[in-house]
Amino acid sequence: MALRMWASSTANALGVSCKTKAQFLPAFSLSRCFSSVLDGLRYANSHEWVKHDGPVAIIGITDHAQDHLGEVVFVDLPEVGGLVSKGGSFGAVESVKASSDVNSPISGEVVEVNSKLTEVPGLINSSPYEDGWMIKIKPSDPSELQTLMGPTEYTKFCEEEDTAH
């Protein structure tokens, strides 16, 4: 009952109304259009991004992913020198809502981890593409980058995924 009252008052404050129970569609919808997708990055369908920068590739989770996770409270990262394989888990992100494995979009050797995330895991929320990067790797097969989506494809993928849910 309290939840229904909160939802009702929130809907009123936002100016949202449904005239009848049969009319289930809201007056507006919140889509993932608020998530940013950057040019110059490649994207995996598991919502990680890669920036290939010379001999190193920087990897993190996308704005779309962090938005779905909610407030990140803990990040588990691999050791420097470890190997990651395309599609394999290299760490985890825990939020107030859920815990999720993070998969590597490409294969390679971990050459650096973002140790700031240990102290301030919320950087993934506030700056997923810059301060919130997770690992840097030396790619073992740079051609794997070509199997990932570009910004336009990733945006379409997210829109279709959100529509399906």
N, C-alpha and C. Protein backbone atom coordinates (compact mmCIF):
# COMPACT_ATOMS: atom_id res chain seq x y z
N MET A 1 0.82 -1.19 0.00
CA MET A 1 0.00 0.00 0.00
C MET A 1 0.86 1.25 0.00
N ALA A 2 1.90 1.26 0.84
CA ALA A 2 2.78 2.43 0.89
C ALA A 2 3.48 2.63 -0.45
N LEU A 3 3.85 1.53 -1.10
CA LEU A 3 4.50 1.63 -2.40
C LEU A 3 3.56 2.22 -3.43
N ARG A 4 2.28 1.81 -3.39
CA ARG A 4 1.30 2.33 -4.33
C ARG A 4 1.10 3.83 -4.11
N MET A 5 1.07 4.26 -2.84
CA MET A 5 0.92 5.68 -2.54
C MET A 5 2.13 6.46 -3.01
N TRP A 6 3.34 5.90 -2.80
CA TRP A 6 4.56 6.57 -3.25
C TRP A 6 4.55 6.69 -4.77
N ALA A 7 4.17 5.60 -5.46
CA ALA A 7 4.14 5.61 -6.92
C ALA A 7 3.12 6.63 -7.42
N SER A 8 1.99 6.69 -6.76
CA SER A 8 0.95 7.64 -7.16
C SER A 8 1.42 9.08 -6.99
N SER A 9 2.03 9.38 -5.84
CA SER A 9 2.50 10.76 -5.61
C SER A 9 3.65 11.11 -6.54
N THR A 10 4.50 10.14 -6.83
CA THR A 10 5.60 10.37 -7.77
C THR A 10 5.06 10.63 -9.17
N ALA A 11 4.10 9.83 -9.59
CA ALA A 11 3.47 10.01 -10.90
C ALA A 11 2.82 11.38 -11.00
N ASN A 12 2.14 11.79 -9.93
CA ASN A 12 1.52 13.12 -9.93
C ASN A 12 2.56 14.21 -10.05
N ALA A 13 3.66 14.09 -9.32
CA ALA A 13 4.72 15.10 -9.36
C ALA A 13 5.35 15.19 -10.74
N LEU A 14 5.44 14.05 -11.43
CA LEU A 14 6.01 14.03 -12.77
C LEU A 14 5.00 14.36 -13.86
N GLY A 15 3.74 14.44 -13.49
CA GLY A 15 2.70 14.72 -14.46
C GLY A 15 2.35 13.52 -15.32
N VAL A 16 2.52 12.33 -14.78
CA VAL A 16 2.22 11.10 -15.51
C VAL A 16 0.89 10.58 -15.02
N SER A 17 0.07 10.17 -15.97
CA SER A 17 -1.20 9.56 -15.56
C SER A 17 -1.62 8.50 -16.56
N CYS A 18 -2.33 7.52 -16.06
CA CYS A 18 -2.96 6.51 -16.89
C CYS A 18 -4.45 6.63 -16.61
N LYS A 19 -5.24 6.90 -17.64
CA LYS A 19 -6.65 7.17 -17.44
C LYS A 19 -7.44 5.95 -16.99
N THR A 20 -7.10 4.78 -17.55
CA THR A 20 -7.80 3.56 -17.15
C THR A 20 -6.78 2.45 -17.00
N LYS A 21 -7.17 1.41 -16.30
CA LYS A 21 -6.27 0.28 -16.16
C LYS A 21 -6.03 -0.41 -17.48
N ALA A 22 -6.99 -0.34 -18.41
CA ALA A 22 -6.83 -0.96 -19.72
C ALA A 22 -5.77 -0.24 -20.54
N GLN A 23 -5.58 1.04 -20.27
CA GLN A 23 -4.57 1.80 -20.99
C GLN A 23 -3.27 1.70 -20.20
N PHE A 24 -2.49 0.69 -20.51
CA PHE A 24 -1.28 0.39 -19.75
C PHE A 24 -0.10 1.26 -20.17
N LEU A 25 -0.12 1.80 -21.37
CA LEU A 25 1.02 2.58 -21.84
C LEU A 25 1.15 3.88 -21.06
N PRO A 26 2.35 4.20 -20.56
CA PRO A 26 2.52 5.44 -19.82
C PRO A 26 2.49 6.65 -20.74
N ALA A 27 2.32 7.82 -20.15
CA ALA A 27 2.29 9.05 -20.92
C ALA A 27 3.65 9.34 -21.55
N PHE A 28 4.69 8.77 -20.99
CA PHE A 28 6.04 8.88 -21.56
C PHE A 28 6.80 7.63 -21.19
N SER A 29 7.88 7.40 -21.87
CA SER A 29 8.70 6.25 -21.50
C SER A 29 10.14 6.69 -21.31
N LEU A 30 10.79 6.07 -20.36
CA LEU A 30 12.20 6.36 -20.13
C LEU A 30 12.99 5.32 -20.90
N SER A 31 13.67 5.76 -21.92
CA SER A 31 14.45 4.83 -22.72
C SER A 31 15.92 4.96 -22.36
N ARG A 32 16.73 4.14 -22.93
CA ARG A 32 18.16 4.17 -22.67
C ARG A 32 18.84 5.25 -23.51
N CYS A 33 18.06 6.16 -24.08
CA CYS A 33 18.67 7.21 -24.88
C CYS A 33 19.52 8.13 -24.02
N PHE A 34 19.38 8.03 -22.70
CA PHE A 34 20.20 8.84 -21.81
C PHE A 34 21.60 8.28 -21.68
N SER A 35 21.82 7.04 -22.06
CA SER A 35 23.15 6.42 -21.99
C SER A 35 24.00 6.94 -23.13
N SER A 36 25.25 7.21 -22.85
CA SER A 36 26.12 7.71 -23.90
C SER A 36 26.90 6.57 -24.54
N VAL A 37 27.09 6.70 -25.83
CA VAL A 37 27.87 5.78 -26.63
C VAL A 37 28.88 6.65 -27.38
N LEU A 38 30.16 6.34 -27.24
CA LEU A 38 31.19 7.20 -27.80
C LEU A 38 31.76 6.67 -29.10
N ASP A 39 32.07 7.58 -29.99
CA ASP A 39 32.79 7.23 -31.21
C ASP A 39 34.21 6.83 -30.83
N GLY A 40 34.83 6.01 -31.64
CA GLY A 40 36.22 5.62 -31.39
C GLY A 40 36.36 4.42 -30.48
N LEU A 41 35.24 3.90 -29.97
CA LEU A 41 35.27 2.71 -29.13
C LEU A 41 34.58 1.57 -29.85
N ARG A 42 34.90 0.35 -29.43
CA ARG A 42 34.22 -0.85 -29.92
C ARG A 42 33.46 -1.43 -28.73
N TYR A 43 32.34 -2.10 -29.02
CA TYR A 43 31.44 -2.55 -27.97
C TYR A 43 31.10 -4.02 -28.11
N ALA A 44 31.03 -4.71 -26.97
CA ALA A 44 30.63 -6.12 -26.93
C ALA A 44 29.14 -6.20 -26.58
N ASN A 45 28.49 -7.29 -26.98
CA ASN A 45 27.07 -7.43 -26.65
C ASN A 45 26.85 -7.71 -25.17
N SER A 46 27.93 -7.93 -24.42
CA SER A 46 27.84 -8.07 -22.97
C SER A 46 28.07 -6.73 -22.27
N HIS A 47 28.11 -5.65 -23.04
CA HIS A 47 28.15 -4.26 -22.56
C HIS A 47 29.50 -3.83 -21.98
N GLU A 48 30.58 -4.33 -22.56
CA GLU A 48 31.91 -3.79 -22.27
C GLU A 48 32.35 -2.99 -23.48
N TRP A 49 33.22 -2.03 -23.24
CA TRP A 49 33.78 -1.23 -24.32
C TRP A 49 35.29 -1.44 -24.38
N VAL A 50 35.87 -1.18 -25.57
CA VAL A 50 37.31 -1.28 -25.78
C VAL A 50 37.78 -0.06 -26.55
N LYS A 51 38.86 0.53 -26.07
CA LYS A 51 39.53 1.60 -26.82
C LYS A 51 40.92 1.10 -27.14
N HIS A 52 41.20 0.90 -28.43
CA HIS A 52 42.52 0.44 -28.85
C HIS A 52 43.41 1.66 -28.99
N ASP A 53 44.46 1.71 -28.17
CA ASP A 53 45.34 2.88 -28.11
C ASP A 53 46.78 2.42 -28.27
N GLY A 54 47.25 2.34 -29.53
CA GLY A 54 48.60 1.85 -29.79
C GLY A 54 48.71 0.38 -29.45
N PRO A 55 49.71 0.00 -28.65
CA PRO A 55 49.88 -1.42 -28.31
C PRO A 55 48.98 -1.90 -27.18
N VAL A 56 48.15 -0.98 -26.64
CA VAL A 56 47.33 -1.30 -25.47
C VAL A 56 45.85 -1.10 -25.81
N ALA A 57 45.00 -1.93 -25.21
CA ALA A 57 43.55 -1.76 -25.30
C ALA A 57 43.02 -1.51 -23.90
N ILE A 58 42.20 -0.48 -23.77
CA ILE A 58 41.59 -0.12 -22.50
C ILE A 58 40.18 -0.68 -22.50
N ILE A 59 39.77 -1.30 -21.39
CA ILE A 59 38.47 -1.96 -21.31
C ILE A 59 37.71 -1.47 -20.07
N GLY A 60 36.41 -1.29 -20.24
CA GLY A 60 35.52 -0.94 -19.13
C GLY A 60 34.11 -1.37 -19.45
N ILE A 61 33.17 -1.04 -18.57
CA ILE A 61 31.78 -1.33 -18.87
C ILE A 61 31.11 -0.06 -19.38
N THR A 62 30.10 -0.24 -20.19
CA THR A 62 29.46 0.89 -20.85
C THR A 62 28.56 1.69 -19.91
N ASP A 63 28.24 2.87 -20.37
CA ASP A 63 27.30 3.72 -19.64
C ASP A 63 25.95 3.00 -19.50
N HIS A 64 25.56 2.31 -20.55
CA HIS A 64 24.31 1.53 -20.53
C HIS A 64 24.35 0.49 -19.42
N ALA A 65 25.47 -0.23 -19.30
CA ALA A 65 25.61 -1.27 -18.29
C ALA A 65 25.57 -0.68 -16.88
N GLN A 66 26.33 0.38 -16.65
CA GLN A 66 26.34 0.96 -15.30
C GLN A 66 24.99 1.53 -14.93
N ASP A 67 24.25 2.01 -15.93
CA ASP A 67 22.92 2.54 -15.67
C ASP A 67 21.98 1.42 -15.19
N HIS A 68 22.10 0.25 -15.81
CA HIS A 68 21.27 -0.89 -15.41
C HIS A 68 21.69 -1.44 -14.04
N LEU A 69 22.98 -1.39 -13.75
CA LEU A 69 23.47 -1.91 -12.47
C LEU A 69 23.06 -1.04 -11.29
N GLY A 70 23.05 0.25 -11.48
CA GLY A 70 22.82 1.16 -10.36
C GLY A 70 24.14 1.49 -9.69
N GLU A 71 24.07 2.01 -8.48
CA GLU A 71 25.26 2.48 -7.77
C GLU A 71 26.25 1.34 -7.52
N VAL A 72 27.43 1.46 -8.13
CA VAL A 72 28.48 0.44 -7.97
C VAL A 72 29.16 0.64 -6.62
N VAL A 73 29.27 -0.45 -5.85
CA VAL A 73 29.83 -0.38 -4.51
C VAL A 73 31.10 -1.21 -4.34
N PHE A 74 31.40 -2.09 -5.29
CA PHE A 74 32.60 -2.92 -5.21
C PHE A 74 33.01 -3.38 -6.60
N VAL A 75 34.32 -3.41 -6.84
CA VAL A 75 34.85 -3.88 -8.12
C VAL A 75 35.96 -4.87 -7.84
N ASP A 76 35.90 -6.03 -8.50
CA ASP A 76 36.93 -7.06 -8.41
C ASP A 76 37.69 -7.06 -9.72
N LEU A 77 39.00 -6.83 -9.66
CA LEU A 77 39.83 -6.75 -10.85
C LEU A 77 40.89 -7.85 -10.85
N PRO A 78 41.38 -8.22 -12.04
CA PRO A 78 42.41 -9.26 -12.11
C PRO A 78 43.78 -8.72 -11.72
N GLU A 79 44.73 -9.63 -11.62
CA GLU A 79 46.11 -9.26 -11.34
C GLU A 79 46.82 -8.84 -12.63
N VAL A 80 47.73 -7.89 -12.54
CA VAL A 80 48.58 -7.53 -13.67
C VAL A 80 49.41 -8.77 -14.04
N GLY A 81 49.53 -9.01 -15.34
CA GLY A 81 50.26 -10.18 -15.82
C GLY A 81 49.36 -11.35 -16.14
N GLY A 82 48.11 -11.30 -15.67
CA GLY A 82 47.16 -12.37 -15.96
C GLY A 82 46.69 -12.30 -17.40
N LEU A 83 46.17 -13.42 -17.89
CA LEU A 83 45.65 -13.48 -19.25
C LEU A 83 44.13 -13.44 -19.22
N VAL A 84 43.56 -12.74 -20.18
CA VAL A 84 42.11 -12.72 -20.36
C VAL A 84 41.81 -13.25 -21.76
N SER A 85 40.67 -13.91 -21.89
CA SER A 85 40.30 -14.41 -23.20
C SER A 85 38.97 -13.81 -23.62
N LYS A 86 38.80 -13.66 -24.91
CA LYS A 86 37.58 -13.06 -25.46
C LYS A 86 36.37 -13.82 -24.94
N GLY A 87 35.44 -13.09 -24.33
CA GLY A 87 34.22 -13.67 -23.80
C GLY A 87 34.35 -14.24 -22.40
N GLY A 88 35.58 -14.32 -21.89
CA GLY A 88 35.80 -14.86 -20.55
C GLY A 88 35.72 -13.78 -19.48
N SER A 89 35.31 -14.18 -18.30
CA SER A 89 35.19 -13.25 -17.19
C SER A 89 36.58 -12.86 -16.67
N PHE A 90 36.78 -11.57 -16.41
CA PHE A 90 38.04 -11.13 -15.81
C PHE A 90 37.83 -10.46 -14.45
N GLY A 91 36.60 -10.22 -14.08
CA GLY A 91 36.33 -9.55 -12.82
C GLY A 91 34.84 -9.48 -12.57
N ALA A 92 34.48 -8.68 -11.57
CA ALA A 92 33.07 -8.52 -11.22
C ALA A 92 32.81 -7.11 -10.74
N VAL A 93 31.56 -6.71 -10.89
CA VAL A 93 31.09 -5.42 -10.41
C VAL A 93 29.87 -5.69 -9.54
N GLU A 94 29.90 -5.16 -8.32
CA GLU A 94 28.75 -5.30 -7.43
C GLU A 94 28.12 -3.93 -7.23
N SER A 95 26.81 -3.92 -7.30
CA SER A 95 26.08 -2.68 -7.08
C SER A 95 25.06 -2.91 -5.97
N VAL A 96 24.33 -1.87 -5.66
CA VAL A 96 23.30 -2.00 -4.65
C VAL A 96 22.17 -2.91 -5.14
N LYS A 97 22.09 -3.13 -6.45
CA LYS A 97 21.04 -3.96 -7.03
C LYS A 97 21.47 -5.38 -7.35
N ALA A 98 22.73 -5.55 -7.80
CA ALA A 98 23.14 -6.86 -8.31
C ALA A 98 24.65 -6.99 -8.36
N SER A 99 25.08 -8.21 -8.60
CA SER A 99 26.49 -8.49 -8.86
C SER A 99 26.57 -9.04 -10.27
N SER A 100 27.59 -8.61 -11.01
CA SER A 100 27.69 -9.02 -12.40
C SER A 100 29.14 -9.28 -12.78
N ASP A 101 29.37 -10.39 -13.49
CA ASP A 101 30.70 -10.65 -14.03
C ASP A 101 30.98 -9.65 -15.14
N VAL A 102 32.26 -9.35 -15.32
CA VAL A 102 32.68 -8.50 -16.42
C VAL A 102 33.52 -9.37 -17.35
N ASN A 103 33.13 -9.38 -18.62
CA ASN A 103 33.80 -10.22 -19.61
C ASN A 103 34.74 -9.40 -20.47
N SER A 104 35.80 -10.03 -20.91
CA SER A 104 36.75 -9.35 -21.78
C SER A 104 36.27 -9.45 -23.23
N PRO A 105 36.17 -8.32 -23.91
CA PRO A 105 35.73 -8.35 -25.30
C PRO A 105 36.81 -8.87 -26.26
N ILE A 106 38.06 -8.87 -25.80
CA ILE A 106 39.18 -9.37 -26.60
C ILE A 106 40.16 -10.11 -25.70
N SER A 107 41.06 -10.85 -26.31
CA SER A 107 42.06 -11.63 -25.57
C SER A 107 43.35 -10.84 -25.41
N GLY A 108 44.08 -11.13 -24.33
CA GLY A 108 45.37 -10.49 -24.15
C GLY A 108 45.89 -10.62 -22.73
N GLU A 109 46.99 -9.93 -22.48
CA GLU A 109 47.63 -9.92 -21.17
C GLU A 109 47.33 -8.62 -20.45
N VAL A 110 46.92 -8.72 -19.19
CA VAL A 110 46.61 -7.54 -18.39
C VAL A 110 47.93 -6.83 -18.06
N VAL A 111 48.03 -5.56 -18.48
CA VAL A 111 49.24 -4.79 -18.21
C VAL A 111 49.04 -3.72 -17.15
N GLU A 112 47.75 -3.40 -16.86
CA GLU A 112 47.45 -2.41 -15.83
C GLU A 112 46.01 -2.57 -15.39
N VAL A 113 45.76 -2.32 -14.11
CA VAL A 113 44.38 -2.28 -13.60
C VAL A 113 44.15 -0.90 -13.00
N ASN A 114 42.92 -0.47 -12.99
CA ASN A 114 42.57 0.83 -12.44
C ASN A 114 42.39 0.69 -10.93
N SER A 115 43.46 0.87 -10.20
CA SER A 115 43.43 0.69 -8.75
C SER A 115 42.55 1.72 -8.04
N LYS A 116 42.23 2.83 -8.71
CA LYS A 116 41.33 3.83 -8.12
C LYS A 116 39.96 3.23 -7.82
N LEU A 117 39.56 2.22 -8.61
CA LEU A 117 38.24 1.63 -8.44
C LEU A 117 38.10 0.87 -7.13
N THR A 118 39.23 0.46 -6.55
CA THR A 118 39.19 -0.21 -5.25
C THR A 118 38.70 0.75 -4.17
N GLU A 119 39.17 1.98 -4.23
CA GLU A 119 38.79 3.01 -3.25
C GLU A 119 37.50 3.72 -3.62
N VAL A 120 37.29 3.95 -4.93
CA VAL A 120 36.13 4.71 -5.40
C VAL A 120 35.45 3.96 -6.54
N PRO A 121 34.72 2.87 -6.22
CA PRO A 121 34.08 2.09 -7.28
C PRO A 121 33.03 2.88 -8.05
N GLY A 122 32.49 3.93 -7.45
CA GLY A 122 31.49 4.76 -8.11
C GLY A 122 31.99 5.51 -9.33
N LEU A 123 33.31 5.49 -9.56
CA LEU A 123 33.84 6.10 -10.79
C LEU A 123 33.25 5.43 -12.02
N ILE A 124 32.87 4.16 -11.88
CA ILE A 124 32.23 3.46 -13.00
C ILE A 124 30.90 4.12 -13.33
N ASN A 125 30.19 4.62 -12.32
CA ASN A 125 28.93 5.31 -12.56
C ASN A 125 29.14 6.73 -13.09
N SER A 126 30.04 7.45 -12.47
CA SER A 126 30.21 8.87 -12.81
C SER A 126 31.02 9.10 -14.08
N SER A 127 31.88 8.15 -14.43
CA SER A 127 32.76 8.35 -15.58
C SER A 127 33.14 7.00 -16.21
N PRO A 128 32.15 6.28 -16.77
CA PRO A 128 32.43 4.92 -17.25
C PRO A 128 33.47 4.84 -18.36
N TYR A 129 33.61 5.90 -19.16
CA TYR A 129 34.53 5.85 -20.29
C TYR A 129 35.88 6.52 -20.03
N GLU A 130 36.01 7.17 -18.90
CA GLU A 130 37.28 7.84 -18.63
C GLU A 130 37.86 7.36 -17.31
N ASP A 131 37.46 7.96 -16.20
CA ASP A 131 38.03 7.58 -14.90
C ASP A 131 37.62 6.18 -14.45
N GLY A 132 36.52 5.65 -15.01
CA GLY A 132 36.01 4.35 -14.60
C GLY A 132 36.48 3.17 -15.44
N TRP A 133 37.52 3.37 -16.25
CA TRP A 133 38.05 2.23 -17.00
C TRP A 133 38.51 1.15 -16.02
N MET A 134 38.54 -0.09 -16.46
CA MET A 134 38.83 -1.19 -15.54
C MET A 134 40.23 -1.78 -15.73
N ILE A 135 40.54 -2.21 -16.95
CA ILE A 135 41.85 -2.82 -17.19
C ILE A 135 42.43 -2.33 -18.51
N LYS A 136 43.74 -2.45 -18.62
CA LYS A 136 44.44 -2.24 -19.88
C LYS A 136 45.13 -3.56 -20.21
N ILE A 137 44.99 -3.96 -21.47
CA ILE A 137 45.61 -5.21 -21.89
C ILE A 137 46.45 -5.01 -23.14
N LYS A 138 47.40 -5.91 -23.32
CA LYS A 138 48.15 -6.00 -24.57
C LYS A 138 47.43 -7.08 -25.37
N PRO A 139 46.71 -6.67 -26.44
CA PRO A 139 45.93 -7.65 -27.20
C PRO A 139 46.80 -8.74 -27.83
N SER A 140 46.35 -9.98 -27.72
CA SER A 140 47.07 -11.08 -28.35
C SER A 140 46.61 -11.29 -29.79
N ASP A 141 45.41 -10.82 -30.13
CA ASP A 141 44.88 -10.93 -31.48
C ASP A 141 44.07 -9.68 -31.79
N PRO A 142 44.74 -8.60 -32.25
CA PRO A 142 44.03 -7.34 -32.51
C PRO A 142 42.87 -7.46 -33.50
N SER A 143 42.86 -8.51 -34.32
CA SER A 143 41.76 -8.67 -35.27
C SER A 143 40.42 -8.94 -34.56
N GLU A 144 40.48 -9.36 -33.28
CA GLU A 144 39.24 -9.56 -32.52
C GLU A 144 38.45 -8.27 -32.38
N LEU A 145 39.12 -7.13 -32.45
CA LEU A 145 38.44 -5.84 -32.36
C LEU A 145 37.40 -5.68 -33.47
N GLN A 146 37.69 -6.26 -34.62
CA GLN A 146 36.78 -6.11 -35.76
C GLN A 146 35.48 -6.89 -35.58
N THR A 147 35.45 -7.81 -34.64
CA THR A 147 34.23 -8.59 -34.38
C THR A 147 33.27 -7.85 -33.45
N LEU A 148 33.72 -6.73 -32.89
CA LEU A 148 32.91 -5.95 -31.95
C LEU A 148 32.08 -4.91 -32.69
N MET A 149 31.06 -4.41 -32.03
CA MET A 149 30.18 -3.41 -32.63
C MET A 149 30.79 -2.01 -32.56
N GLY A 150 30.47 -1.22 -33.57
CA GLY A 150 30.79 0.20 -33.54
C GLY A 150 29.68 0.93 -32.79
N PRO A 151 29.80 2.26 -32.64
CA PRO A 151 28.81 3.03 -31.88
C PRO A 151 27.38 2.92 -32.41
N THR A 152 27.21 2.97 -33.71
CA THR A 152 25.87 2.91 -34.29
C THR A 152 25.23 1.55 -34.05
N GLU A 153 26.00 0.50 -34.26
CA GLU A 153 25.49 -0.85 -34.05
C GLU A 153 25.16 -1.09 -32.57
N TYR A 154 26.03 -0.59 -31.69
CA TYR A 154 25.80 -0.79 -30.26
C TYR A 154 24.55 -0.03 -29.79
N THR A 155 24.37 1.17 -30.28
CA THR A 155 23.17 1.94 -29.92
C THR A 155 21.92 1.19 -30.34
N LYS A 156 21.91 0.68 -31.55
CA LYS A 156 20.77 -0.09 -32.05
C LYS A 156 20.57 -1.35 -31.21
N PHE A 157 21.67 -2.03 -30.87
CA PHE A 157 21.61 -3.23 -30.04
C PHE A 157 20.94 -2.93 -28.70
N CYS A 158 21.34 -1.84 -28.06
CA CYS A 158 20.77 -1.47 -26.75
C CYS A 158 19.30 -1.14 -26.87
N GLU A 159 18.92 -0.41 -27.93
CA GLU A 159 17.52 -0.06 -28.11
C GLU A 159 16.67 -1.32 -28.29
N GLU A 160 17.17 -2.27 -29.10
CA GLU A 160 16.43 -3.51 -29.32
C GLU A 160 16.36 -4.35 -28.04
N GLU A 161 17.45 -4.38 -27.30
CA GLU A 161 17.47 -5.14 -26.05
C GLU A 161 16.49 -4.56 -25.03
N ASP A 162 16.48 -3.24 -24.92
CA ASP A 162 15.56 -2.59 -23.98
C ASP A 162 14.11 -2.77 -24.39
N THR A 163 13.84 -2.75 -25.68
CA THR A 163 12.48 -2.97 -26.16
C THR A 163 12.01 -4.38 -25.85
N ALA A 164 12.93 -5.35 -25.94
CA ALA A 164 12.58 -6.74 -25.67
C ALA A 164 12.31 -6.98 -24.19
N HIS A 165 12.85 -6.15 -23.33
CA HIS A 165 12.65 -6.34 -21.88
C HIS A 165 11.55 -5.45 -21.47
